[in-house]
């Protein structure tokens, strides 16, 4: 989580929304990706820290399946990011650890929680 917080600080210094994400391998020690939000910098609405971490890890591993990985994020992922995390790790998604949960817009625990929707989590 410290790495994610550092990336969030760096994102804020660049004028980004201060969110950082770290994706860790199933062994719990190997960092596959460490990213911060880049939506403004890249002028890309999907350059969220979580999506960038998933993409970077998949590229590093040479495949899109990230089974058993754990995502550490400074803010609970939005529904788009949470759905992508589940899609890349289904059926064995690891934990998602958030520094701050979002009651309304959270993709894991909020009103928009995709993980509670069977239609979104069944392969």
Protein backbone atom coordinates (compact mmCIF):
# COMPACT_ATOMS: atom_id res chain seq x y z
CA UNK A 1 0.00 0.00 0.00
CA UNK A 2 2.93 2.34 0.63
CA UNK A 3 3.93 2.03 -3.01
CA UNK A 4 0.38 2.84 -4.10
CA UNK A 5 0.31 5.90 -1.81
CA UNK A 6 3.58 7.11 -3.31
CA UNK A 7 2.17 6.73 -6.83
CA UNK A 8 -0.96 8.64 -5.75
CA UNK A 9 1.24 11.49 -4.48
CA UNK A 10 3.15 11.52 -7.76
CA UNK A 11 -0.12 11.59 -9.71
CA UNK A 12 -1.32 14.57 -7.64
CA UNK A 13 1.95 16.41 -8.32
CA UNK A 14 1.25 15.95 -12.06
CA UNK A 15 -2.25 17.41 -11.72
CA UNK A 16 -3.91 13.99 -11.81
CA UNK A 17 -6.59 12.58 -9.54
CA UNK A 18 -4.47 11.16 -6.70
CA UNK A 19 -4.98 7.42 -7.07
CA UNK A 20 -2.24 4.81 -7.03
CA UNK A 21 -2.41 1.07 -7.66
CA UNK A 22 -0.04 -1.84 -7.17
CA UNK A 23 -0.70 -5.32 -8.54
CA UNK A 24 1.09 -8.12 -6.67
CA UNK A 25 1.67 -11.70 -7.83
CA UNK A 26 0.07 -14.64 -6.03
CA UNK A 27 3.28 -15.13 -4.02
CA UNK A 28 2.47 -11.88 -2.22
CA UNK A 29 5.95 -10.47 -2.74
CA UNK A 30 6.46 -9.88 -6.46
CA UNK A 31 5.22 -6.51 -7.67
CA UNK A 32 3.87 -6.92 -11.19
CA UNK A 33 2.91 -3.27 -11.70
CA UNK A 34 2.91 0.02 -9.81
CA UNK A 35 0.98 2.88 -11.41
CA UNK A 36 -0.85 6.13 -10.81
CA UNK A 37 -3.72 7.83 -12.60
CA UNK A 38 -2.79 9.32 -15.98
CA UNK A 39 -6.19 10.36 -17.36
CA UNK A 40 -5.26 14.03 -17.71
CA UNK A 41 -1.67 13.48 -18.81
CA UNK A 42 -2.64 11.02 -21.53
CA UNK A 43 -5.96 12.72 -22.27
CA UNK A 44 -7.45 9.24 -21.96
CA UNK A 45 -10.61 8.61 -19.94
CA UNK A 46 -9.63 5.02 -19.17
CA UNK A 47 -6.06 5.71 -17.96
CA UNK A 48 -7.08 4.90 -14.39
CA UNK A 49 -4.33 3.61 -12.11
CA UNK A 50 -6.03 0.22 -11.72
CA UNK A 51 -6.46 -0.36 -15.47
CA UNK A 52 -2.90 0.71 -16.13
CA UNK A 53 -1.68 -1.75 -13.46
CA UNK A 54 -3.67 -4.61 -14.98
CA UNK A 55 -2.39 -3.78 -18.48
CA UNK A 56 1.21 -3.41 -17.35
CA UNK A 57 1.13 -6.70 -15.44
CA UNK A 58 -0.44 -8.56 -18.35
CA UNK A 59 2.23 -7.23 -20.70
CA UNK A 60 4.97 -8.15 -18.24
CA UNK A 61 3.64 -11.70 -17.86
CA UNK A 62 2.90 -12.14 -21.55
CA UNK A 63 -0.78 -12.98 -21.07
CA UNK A 64 -4.05 -11.48 -19.96
CA UNK A 65 -4.88 -13.97 -17.18
CA UNK A 66 -3.74 -12.61 -13.81
CA UNK A 67 -5.01 -15.43 -11.62
CA UNK A 68 -4.65 -14.99 -7.87
CA UNK A 69 -3.13 -11.53 -8.05
CA UNK A 70 -3.88 -8.87 -5.45
CA UNK A 71 -4.64 -5.25 -6.27
CA UNK A 72 -3.68 -2.61 -3.73
CA UNK A 73 -5.34 0.69 -4.51
CA UNK A 74 -5.52 3.96 -2.60
CA UNK A 75 -9.19 4.38 -3.50
CA UNK A 76 -11.79 1.70 -4.14
CA UNK A 77 -11.83 1.02 -7.90
CA UNK A 78 -14.71 2.38 -9.96
CA UNK A 79 -17.06 -0.19 -11.54
CA UNK A 80 -15.10 -0.15 -14.81
CA UNK A 81 -11.80 -0.90 -13.08
CA UNK A 82 -13.25 -3.48 -10.71
CA UNK A 83 -14.91 -5.35 -13.59
CA UNK A 84 -11.64 -5.43 -15.51
CA UNK A 85 -9.80 -6.78 -12.48
CA UNK A 86 -12.33 -9.61 -12.20
CA UNK A 87 -12.30 -10.30 -15.94
CA UNK A 88 -8.52 -10.67 -16.02
CA UNK A 89 -8.43 -12.95 -12.99
CA UNK A 90 -11.65 -14.99 -13.28
CA UNK A 91 -12.24 -17.54 -11.80
CA UNK A 92 -9.51 -16.97 -9.21
CA UNK A 93 -9.42 -13.25 -8.53
CA UNK A 94 -7.26 -12.39 -5.59
CA UNK A 95 -8.04 -9.74 -3.05
CA UNK A 96 -8.69 -6.12 -3.76
CA UNK A 97 -7.31 -3.94 -0.99
CA UNK A 98 -8.49 -0.32 -0.96
CA UNK A 99 -7.25 2.46 1.25
CA UNK A 100 -10.60 4.25 1.09
CA UNK A 101 -14.01 2.81 0.16
CA UNK A 102 -16.60 4.73 -1.86
CA UNK A 103 -20.21 4.27 -0.77
CA UNK A 104 -21.79 5.48 -3.99
CA UNK A 105 -19.37 4.90 -6.86
CA UNK A 106 -17.32 1.97 -5.59
CA UNK A 107 -17.06 -1.00 -7.92
CA UNK A 108 -16.58 -3.49 -5.08
CA UNK A 109 -18.67 -2.28 -2.16
CA UNK A 110 -20.69 0.72 -3.31
CA UNK A 111 -24.08 0.94 -4.97
CA UNK A 112 -22.40 0.11 -8.28
CA UNK A 113 -20.70 -3.06 -6.98
CA UNK A 114 -20.10 -5.31 -9.97
CA UNK A 115 -18.89 -8.15 -7.76
CA UNK A 116 -22.43 -8.62 -6.41
CA UNK A 117 -23.90 -8.85 -9.88
CA UNK A 118 -23.89 -12.47 -11.09
CA UNK A 119 -24.25 -11.31 -14.68
CA UNK A 120 -20.85 -9.58 -14.40
CA UNK A 121 -18.93 -12.25 -12.52
CA UNK A 122 -19.78 -15.48 -14.30
CA UNK A 123 -17.05 -15.93 -16.90
